[in-house]
């Protein structure tokens, strides 16, 4: 059994029964989407083993569930890979991707230092938008006991990672604070193409949400319409 297969089995065991939208099937989708993106990019220069392992391990000991500790994930990934006698080069490359991957606030740039990292970051962000992303957003909001929506609580474009981590908002605000920003932050051409329809689906969903909530005149609905008028672009 090779390292990638052993890692997939390990991660599936670790994430069994997870209920916040960061479960094994999220990992599985990110892995499959990473493979899809890689197949359409310049595969000659891409290390497939790094893409595969980083996709599988990217949410291990996620900071959101470990007291905000950004190093919990890289440490856990390194511990696992070391236990499997992985090469030092593999461990370093995978842990660097995990360290750089996460969204840290609207005003915080998170450039990836490798092509492998760009692929996995795009795949992870694609799973945060579209139909699956909507489902995951509300699963996470429920897990965190957040309100679905409050028209009196406006979204905030966080300018620091610390501010983003400390925020407690509604799930609908999460669309404005993160999800609607992701299309324009894709790294690869494949990621950009895949993000387009998912982004438009979220705009349509929010429009319908405000209609059914009798909130078509709310500030949130006005902000959404501004995005639609701008071709879905954000006001970062």
C-alpha atoms as a PDB file:
ATOM      1  CA  UNK A   1       0.000   0.000   0.000  1.00  0.00           C
ATOM      2  CA  UNK A   2       1.573   3.303  -1.080  1.00  0.00           C
ATOM      3  CA  UNK A   3       1.864   6.468   1.016  1.00  0.00           C
ATOM      4  CA  UNK A   4      -1.055   8.254  -0.645  1.00  0.00           C
ATOM      5  CA  UNK A   5      -3.393   5.303  -0.059  1.00  0.00           C
ATOM      6  CA  UNK A   6      -2.255   4.911   3.540  1.00  0.00           C
ATOM      7  CA  UNK A   7      -2.775   8.626   4.091  1.00  0.00           C
ATOM      8  CA  UNK A   8      -6.273   8.516   2.594  1.00  0.00           C
ATOM      9  CA  UNK A   9      -7.191   5.658   4.929  1.00  0.00           C
ATOM     10  CA  UNK A  10      -5.724   7.510   7.917  1.00  0.00           C
ATOM     11  CA  UNK A  11      -7.565  10.745   7.131  1.00  0.00           C
ATOM     12  CA  UNK A  12     -10.846   8.923   6.553  1.00  0.00           C
ATOM     13  CA  UNK A  13     -10.550   7.417  10.031  1.00  0.00           C
ATOM     14  CA  UNK A  14      -9.677  10.793  11.586  1.00  0.00           C
ATOM     15  CA  UNK A  15     -12.654  12.589  10.037  1.00  0.00           C
ATOM     16  CA  UNK A  16     -15.294   9.917  10.551  1.00  0.00           C
ATOM     17  CA  UNK A  17     -18.535  11.474  11.866  1.00  0.00           C
ATOM     18  CA  UNK A  18     -17.301  15.078  11.563  1.00  0.00           C
ATOM     19  CA  UNK A  19     -20.335  17.378  11.372  1.00  0.00           C
ATOM     20  CA  UNK A  20     -19.100  20.879  10.543  1.00  0.00           C
ATOM     21  CA  UNK A  21     -18.685  20.431   6.787  1.00  0.00           C
ATOM     22  CA  UNK A  22     -14.996  19.546   7.179  1.00  0.00           C
ATOM     23  CA  UNK A  23     -15.613  15.810   6.966  1.00  0.00           C
ATOM     24  CA  UNK A  24     -13.979  13.036   4.939  1.00  0.00           C
ATOM     25  CA  UNK A  25     -16.165  13.813   1.924  1.00  0.00           C
ATOM     26  CA  UNK A  26     -14.875  17.384   1.872  1.00  0.00           C
ATOM     27  CA  UNK A  27     -11.353  15.964   1.835  1.00  0.00           C
ATOM     28  CA  UNK A  28     -12.349  13.507  -0.908  1.00  0.00           C
ATOM     29  CA  UNK A  29     -13.806  16.289  -3.074  1.00  0.00           C
ATOM     30  CA  UNK A  30     -10.733  18.475  -2.608  1.00  0.00           C
ATOM     31  CA  UNK A  31      -8.529  15.542  -3.597  1.00  0.00           C
ATOM     32  CA  UNK A  32     -10.583  14.774  -6.713  1.00  0.00           C
ATOM     33  CA  UNK A  33     -10.775  18.444  -7.724  1.00  0.00           C
ATOM     34  CA  UNK A  34      -7.022  18.801  -7.204  1.00  0.00           C
ATOM     35  CA  UNK A  35      -6.492  15.893  -9.592  1.00  0.00           C
ATOM     36  CA  UNK A  36      -8.903  17.516 -12.070  1.00  0.00           C
ATOM     37  CA  UNK A  37      -7.082  20.853 -11.958  1.00  0.00           C
ATOM     38  CA  UNK A  38      -3.666  19.211 -12.210  1.00  0.00           C
ATOM     39  CA  UNK A  39      -4.757  17.292 -15.321  1.00  0.00           C
ATOM     40  CA  UNK A  40      -5.505  20.586 -17.089  1.00  0.00           C
ATOM     41  CA  UNK A  41      -2.384  22.452 -15.991  1.00  0.00           C
ATOM     42  CA  UNK A  42       1.263  21.921 -17.008  1.00  0.00           C
ATOM     43  CA  UNK A  43       1.618  18.516 -15.364  1.00  0.00           C
ATOM     44  CA  UNK A  44       5.277  18.134 -16.337  1.00  0.00           C
ATOM     45  CA  UNK A  45       6.415  20.509 -13.609  1.00  0.00           C
ATOM     46  CA  UNK A  46       3.896  19.431 -10.946  1.00  0.00           C
ATOM     47  CA  UNK A  47       4.702  16.910  -8.209  1.00  0.00           C
ATOM     48  CA  UNK A  48       1.624  14.703  -8.115  1.00  0.00           C
ATOM     49  CA  UNK A  49       2.531  13.105  -4.789  1.00  0.00           C
ATOM     50  CA  UNK A  50       2.704  16.517  -3.108  1.00  0.00           C
ATOM     51  CA  UNK A  51      -0.658  17.579  -4.544  1.00  0.00           C
ATOM     52  CA  UNK A  52      -2.268  14.320  -3.422  1.00  0.00           C
ATOM     53  CA  UNK A  53      -0.841  14.336   0.100  1.00  0.00           C
ATOM     54  CA  UNK A  54      -1.499  18.036   0.688  1.00  0.00           C
ATOM     55  CA  UNK A  55      -5.099  17.656  -0.509  1.00  0.00           C
ATOM     56  CA  UNK A  56      -5.635  14.732   1.852  1.00  0.00           C
ATOM     57  CA  UNK A  57      -3.965  16.371   4.855  1.00  0.00           C
ATOM     58  CA  UNK A  58      -4.926  20.012   4.351  1.00  0.00           C
ATOM     59  CA  UNK A  59      -7.564  20.070   7.122  1.00  0.00           C
ATOM     60  CA  UNK A  60      -5.861  17.803   9.641  1.00  0.00           C
ATOM     61  CA  UNK A  61      -5.884  19.596  13.027  1.00  0.00           C
ATOM     62  CA  UNK A  62      -7.425  22.692  11.405  1.00  0.00           C
ATOM     63  CA  UNK A  63      -6.836  25.893  13.397  1.00  0.00           C
ATOM     64  CA  UNK A  64     -10.608  26.500  13.576  1.00  0.00           C
ATOM     65  CA  UNK A  65     -10.917  23.465  15.830  1.00  0.00           C
ATOM     66  CA  UNK A  66      -7.605  23.840  17.651  1.00  0.00           C
ATOM     67  CA  UNK A  67      -7.831  27.150  19.482  1.00  0.00           C
ATOM     68  CA  UNK A  68      -6.680  29.203  16.499  1.00  0.00           C
ATOM     69  CA  UNK A  69      -3.272  27.485  16.414  1.00  0.00           C
ATOM     70  CA  UNK A  70      -1.984  27.872  12.837  1.00  0.00           C
ATOM     71  CA  UNK A  71       0.782  25.348  13.452  1.00  0.00           C
ATOM     72  CA  UNK A  72      -1.452  22.525  14.701  1.00  0.00           C
ATOM     73  CA  UNK A  73      -2.126  21.307  11.163  1.00  0.00           C
ATOM     74  CA  UNK A  74       1.464  21.318   9.898  1.00  0.00           C
ATOM     75  CA  UNK A  75       2.584  19.573  13.101  1.00  0.00           C
ATOM     76  CA  UNK A  76      -0.049  16.853  12.784  1.00  0.00           C
ATOM     77  CA  UNK A  77       0.745  16.329   9.103  1.00  0.00           C
ATOM     78  CA  UNK A  78       4.471  16.138   9.823  1.00  0.00           C
ATOM     79  CA  UNK A  79       3.894  13.637  12.628  1.00  0.00           C
ATOM     80  CA  UNK A  80       1.880  11.391  10.331  1.00  0.00           C
ATOM     81  CA  UNK A  81       4.308  11.608   7.412  1.00  0.00           C
ATOM     82  CA  UNK A  82       7.301  11.005   9.670  1.00  0.00           C
ATOM     83  CA  UNK A  83       5.570   7.926  11.086  1.00  0.00           C
ATOM     84  CA  UNK A  84       5.336   6.655   7.504  1.00  0.00           C
ATOM     85  CA  UNK A  85       9.033   7.341   6.836  1.00  0.00           C
ATOM     86  CA  UNK A  86       8.255   9.944   4.184  1.00  0.00           C
ATOM     87  CA  UNK A  87      11.165  11.841   2.671  1.00  0.00           C
ATOM     88  CA  UNK A  88      12.063  15.154   4.301  1.00  0.00           C
ATOM     89  CA  UNK A  89      11.350  16.903   1.001  1.00  0.00           C
ATOM     90  CA  UNK A  90       7.783  15.568   0.955  1.00  0.00           C
ATOM     91  CA  UNK A  91       7.169  16.563   4.569  1.00  0.00           C
ATOM     92  CA  UNK A  92       8.475  20.091   4.030  1.00  0.00           C
ATOM     93  CA  UNK A  93       6.502  20.655   0.822  1.00  0.00           C
ATOM     94  CA  UNK A  94       3.224  19.314   2.227  1.00  0.00           C
ATOM     95  CA  UNK A  95       3.501  21.235   5.498  1.00  0.00           C
ATOM     96  CA  UNK A  96       4.297  24.465   3.659  1.00  0.00           C
ATOM     97  CA  UNK A  97       1.106  24.100   1.628  1.00  0.00           C
ATOM     98  CA  UNK A  98      -0.977  23.436   4.743  1.00  0.00           C
ATOM     99  CA  UNK A  99       0.584  26.451   6.456  1.00  0.00           C
ATOM    100  CA  UNK A 100      -0.126  28.812   3.549  1.00  0.00           C
ATOM    101  CA  UNK A 101      -3.511  27.471   2.421  1.00  0.00           C
ATOM    102  CA  UNK A 102      -6.189  29.003   4.639  1.00  0.00           C
ATOM    103  CA  UNK A 103      -8.251  32.100   3.971  1.00  0.00           C
ATOM    104  CA  UNK A 104      -7.272  34.636   6.641  1.00  0.00           C
ATOM    105  CA  UNK A 105      -9.568  37.590   5.988  1.00  0.00           C
ATOM    106  CA  UNK A 106     -10.725  39.759   3.093  1.00  0.00           C
ATOM    107  CA  UNK A 107      -7.821  42.152   3.497  1.00  0.00           C
ATOM    108  CA  UNK A 108      -5.157  39.466   3.901  1.00  0.00           C
ATOM    109  CA  UNK A 109      -3.345  38.096   0.872  1.00  0.00           C
ATOM    110  CA  UNK A 110      -2.426  34.399   1.030  1.00  0.00           C
ATOM    111  CA  UNK A 111      -0.118  33.677  -1.916  1.00  0.00           C
ATOM    112  CA  UNK A 112       1.000  30.089  -2.390  1.00  0.00           C
ATOM    113  CA  UNK A 113       4.720  29.535  -2.908  1.00  0.00           C
ATOM    114  CA  UNK A 114       4.378  26.462  -5.148  1.00  0.00           C
ATOM    115  CA  UNK A 115       2.271  25.332  -8.079  1.00  0.00           C
ATOM    116  CA  UNK A 116       1.201  22.332  -6.029  1.00  0.00           C
ATOM    117  CA  UNK A 117      -0.062  24.692  -3.344  1.00  0.00           C
ATOM    118  CA  UNK A 118      -1.957  26.802  -5.863  1.00  0.00           C
ATOM    119  CA  UNK A 119      -3.764  23.709  -7.116  1.00  0.00           C
ATOM    120  CA  UNK A 120      -4.778  22.497  -3.664  1.00  0.00           C
ATOM    121  CA  UNK A 121      -5.807  25.986  -2.535  1.00  0.00           C
ATOM    122  CA  UNK A 122      -8.038  26.342  -5.605  1.00  0.00           C
ATOM    123  CA  UNK A 123      -9.592  22.915  -4.988  1.00  0.00           C
ATOM    124  CA  UNK A 124     -10.263  23.732  -1.337  1.00  0.00           C
ATOM    125  CA  UNK A 125     -11.807  27.078  -2.233  1.00  0.00           C
ATOM    126  CA  UNK A 126     -13.949  25.537  -4.956  1.00  0.00           C
ATOM    127  CA  UNK A 127     -15.461  23.271  -2.310  1.00  0.00           C
ATOM    128  CA  UNK A 128     -16.363  26.390  -0.305  1.00  0.00           C
ATOM    129  CA  UNK A 129     -18.516  27.863  -3.088  1.00  0.00           C
ATOM    130  CA  UNK A 130     -21.398  26.738  -5.271  1.00  0.00           C
ATOM    131  CA  UNK A 131     -24.067  24.284  -4.108  1.00  0.00           C
ATOM    132  CA  UNK A 132     -21.684  22.276  -1.947  1.00  0.00           C
ATOM    133  CA  UNK A 133     -20.201  25.438  -0.498  1.00  0.00           C
ATOM    134  CA  UNK A 134     -23.646  26.705   0.489  1.00  0.00           C
ATOM    135  CA  UNK A 135     -24.411  23.419   2.229  1.00  0.00           C
ATOM    136  CA  UNK A 136     -21.064  23.485   4.019  1.00  0.00           C
ATOM    137  CA  UNK A 137     -21.515  27.112   5.106  1.00  0.00           C
ATOM    138  CA  UNK A 138     -24.779  26.349   6.869  1.00  0.00           C
ATOM    139  CA  UNK A 139     -23.419  23.109   8.325  1.00  0.00           C
ATOM    140  CA  UNK A 140     -20.519  25.056   9.841  1.00  0.00           C
ATOM    141  CA  UNK A 141     -22.814  27.844  11.007  1.00  0.00           C
ATOM    142  CA  UNK A 142     -25.001  25.321  12.802  1.00  0.00           C
ATOM    143  CA  UNK A 143     -21.953  23.655  14.310  1.00  0.00           C
ATOM    144  CA  UNK A 144     -20.864  27.066  15.653  1.00  0.00           C
ATOM    145  CA  UNK A 145     -24.431  27.947  16.747  1.00  0.00           C
ATOM    146  CA  UNK A 146     -24.547  30.990  14.488  1.00  0.00           C
ATOM    147  CA  UNK A 147     -27.753  32.680  13.378  1.00  0.00           C
ATOM    148  CA  UNK A 148     -28.660  32.151   9.740  1.00  0.00           C
ATOM    149  CA  UNK A 149     -29.216  35.843   9.133  1.00  0.00           C
ATOM    150  CA  UNK A 150     -29.781  39.098  10.967  1.00  0.00           C
ATOM    151  CA  UNK A 151     -30.426  42.164   8.771  1.00  0.00           C
ATOM    152  CA  UNK A 152     -29.100  44.379  11.565  1.00  0.00           C
ATOM    153  CA  UNK A 153     -25.680  42.692  11.600  1.00  0.00           C
ATOM    154  CA  UNK A 154     -23.696  43.775   8.559  1.00  0.00           C
ATOM    155  CA  UNK A 155     -20.729  41.883   7.115  1.00  0.00           C
ATOM    156  CA  UNK A 156     -17.190  43.046   7.846  1.00  0.00           C
ATOM    157  CA  UNK A 157     -14.247  42.727   5.471  1.00  0.00           C
ATOM    158  CA  UNK A 158     -11.595  41.702   7.986  1.00  0.00           C
ATOM    159  CA  UNK A 159      -8.210  43.318   7.455  1.00  0.00           C
ATOM    160  CA  UNK A 160      -6.125  41.039   9.669  1.00  0.00           C
ATOM    161  CA  UNK A 161      -5.995  37.322  10.364  1.00  0.00           C
ATOM    162  CA  UNK A 162      -6.525  38.016  14.064  1.00  0.00           C
ATOM    163  CA  UNK A 163      -9.702  39.991  13.368  1.00  0.00           C
ATOM    164  CA  UNK A 164     -10.988  37.251  11.068  1.00  0.00           C
ATOM    165  CA  UNK A 165     -10.365  34.521  13.635  1.00  0.00           C
ATOM    166  CA  UNK A 166     -12.069  36.508  16.400  1.00  0.00           C
ATOM    167  CA  UNK A 167     -15.194  37.371  14.408  1.00  0.00           C
ATOM    168  CA  UNK A 168     -18.580  35.929  15.257  1.00  0.00           C
ATOM    169  CA  UNK A 169     -21.104  36.711  12.582  1.00  0.00           C
ATOM    170  CA  UNK A 170     -24.114  35.183  10.824  1.00  0.00           C
ATOM    171  CA  UNK A 171     -23.864  32.508   8.163  1.00  0.00           C
ATOM    172  CA  UNK A 172     -25.232  34.820   5.464  1.00  0.00           C
ATOM    173  CA  UNK A 173     -22.551  37.360   6.355  1.00  0.00           C
ATOM    174  CA  UNK A 174     -19.959  34.636   5.737  1.00  0.00           C
ATOM    175  CA  UNK A 175     -20.857  34.794   2.058  1.00  0.00           C
ATOM    176  CA  UNK A 176     -19.891  38.473   1.929  1.00  0.00           C
ATOM    177  CA  UNK A 177     -16.888  38.112   4.218  1.00  0.00           C
ATOM    178  CA  UNK A 178     -15.350  35.143   2.387  1.00  0.00           C
ATOM    179  CA  UNK A 179     -17.286  33.023  -0.093  1.00  0.00           C
ATOM    180  CA  UNK A 180     -18.148  35.730  -2.628  1.00  0.00           C
ATOM    181  CA  UNK A 181     -14.493  36.801  -2.647  1.00  0.00           C
ATOM    182  CA  UNK A 182     -13.069  33.433  -3.642  1.00  0.00           C
ATOM    183  CA  UNK A 183     -13.826  33.401  -7.369  1.00  0.00           C
ATOM    184  CA  UNK A 184     -11.504  36.351  -7.923  1.00  0.00           C
ATOM    185  CA  UNK A 185      -8.739  34.735  -5.856  1.00  0.00           C
ATOM    186  CA  UNK A 186      -8.308  31.538  -7.864  1.00  0.00           C
ATOM    187  CA  UNK A 187      -4.731  30.777  -8.887  1.00  0.00           C
ATOM    188  CA  UNK A 188      -5.089  28.498 -11.908  1.00  0.00           C
ATOM    189  CA  UNK A 189      -6.941  28.953 -15.179  1.00  0.00           C
ATOM    190  CA  UNK A 190      -8.838  25.735 -14.500  1.00  0.00           C
ATOM    191  CA  UNK A 191      -9.791  26.943 -11.041  1.00  0.00           C
ATOM    192  CA  UNK A 192     -11.050  30.233 -12.451  1.00  0.00           C
ATOM    193  CA  UNK A 193     -13.248  28.440 -14.986  1.00  0.00           C
ATOM    194  CA  UNK A 194     -14.674  26.041 -12.419  1.00  0.00           C
ATOM    195  CA  UNK A 195     -15.371  28.895  -9.991  1.00  0.00           C
ATOM    196  CA  UNK A 196     -17.474  30.955 -12.389  1.00  0.00           C
ATOM    197  CA  UNK A 197     -20.731  28.977 -12.331  1.00  0.00           C
ATOM    198  CA  UNK A 198     -20.388  28.216  -8.637  1.00  0.00           C
ATOM    199  CA  UNK A 199     -20.081  31.937  -7.915  1.00  0.00           C
ATOM    200  CA  UNK A 200     -23.168  32.755  -9.973  1.00  0.00           C
ATOM    201  CA  UNK A 201     -25.112  30.017  -8.193  1.00  0.00           C
ATOM    202  CA  UNK A 202     -24.345  31.648  -4.829  1.00  0.00           C
ATOM    203  CA  UNK A 203     -25.568  35.015  -6.098  1.00  0.00           C
ATOM    204  CA  UNK A 204     -28.799  33.380  -7.246  1.00  0.00           C
ATOM    205  CA  UNK A 205     -29.197  31.568  -3.932  1.00  0.00           C
ATOM    206  CA  UNK A 206     -28.750  34.750  -1.893  1.00  0.00           C
ATOM    207  CA  UNK A 207     -31.201  36.641  -4.076  1.00  0.00           C
ATOM    208  CA  UNK A 208     -33.809  33.940  -3.479  1.00  0.00           C
ATOM    209  CA  UNK A 209     -32.957  33.835   0.231  1.00  0.00           C
ATOM    210  CA  UNK A 210     -33.700  37.546   0.605  1.00  0.00           C
ATOM    211  CA  UNK A 211     -36.944  37.207  -1.362  1.00  0.00           C
ATOM    212  CA  UNK A 212     -38.190  34.410   0.881  1.00  0.00           C
ATOM    213  CA  UNK A 213     -37.027  36.291   3.994  1.00  0.00           C
ATOM    214  CA  UNK A 214     -38.942  39.471   3.010  1.00  0.00           C
ATOM    215  CA  UNK A 215     -35.612  41.298   3.055  1.00  0.00           C
ATOM    216  CA  UNK A 216     -35.302  42.504  -0.534  1.00  0.00           C
ATOM    217  CA  UNK A 217     -34.883  46.075   0.732  1.00  0.00           C
ATOM    218  CA  UNK A 218     -32.240  45.184   3.298  1.00  0.00           C
ATOM    219  CA  UNK A 219     -28.685  46.477   3.157  1.00  0.00           C
ATOM    220  CA  UNK A 220     -27.538  42.923   2.442  1.00  0.00           C
ATOM    221  CA  UNK A 221     -29.797  42.708  -0.618  1.00  0.00           C
ATOM    222  CA  UNK A 222     -28.546  46.087  -1.830  1.00  0.00           C
ATOM    223  CA  UNK A 223     -24.946  44.932  -1.445  1.00  0.00           C
ATOM    224  CA  UNK A 224     -25.787  41.785  -3.399  1.00  0.00           C
ATOM    225  CA  UNK A 225     -27.369  43.785  -6.211  1.00  0.00           C
ATOM    226  CA  UNK A 226     -24.248  45.938  -6.420  1.00  0.00           C
ATOM    227  CA  UNK A 227     -22.202  42.790  -6.962  1.00  0.00           C
ATOM    228  CA  UNK A 228     -24.601  41.566  -9.640  1.00  0.00           C
ATOM    229  CA  UNK A 229     -24.426  44.947 -11.383  1.00  0.00           C
ATOM    230  CA  UNK A 230     -20.627  44.690 -11.299  1.00  0.00           C
ATOM    231  CA  UNK A 231     -20.727  41.319 -13.017  1.00  0.00           C
ATOM    232  CA  UNK A 232     -20.408  39.494  -9.731  1.00  0.00           C
ATOM    233  CA  UNK A 233     -17.230  41.353  -8.824  1.00  0.00           C
ATOM    234  CA  UNK A 234     -16.584  42.256  -5.211  1.00  0.00           C
ATOM    235  CA  UNK A 235     -15.912  45.624  -3.597  1.00  0.00           C
ATOM    236  CA  UNK A 236     -12.743  44.658  -1.756  1.00  0.00           C
END
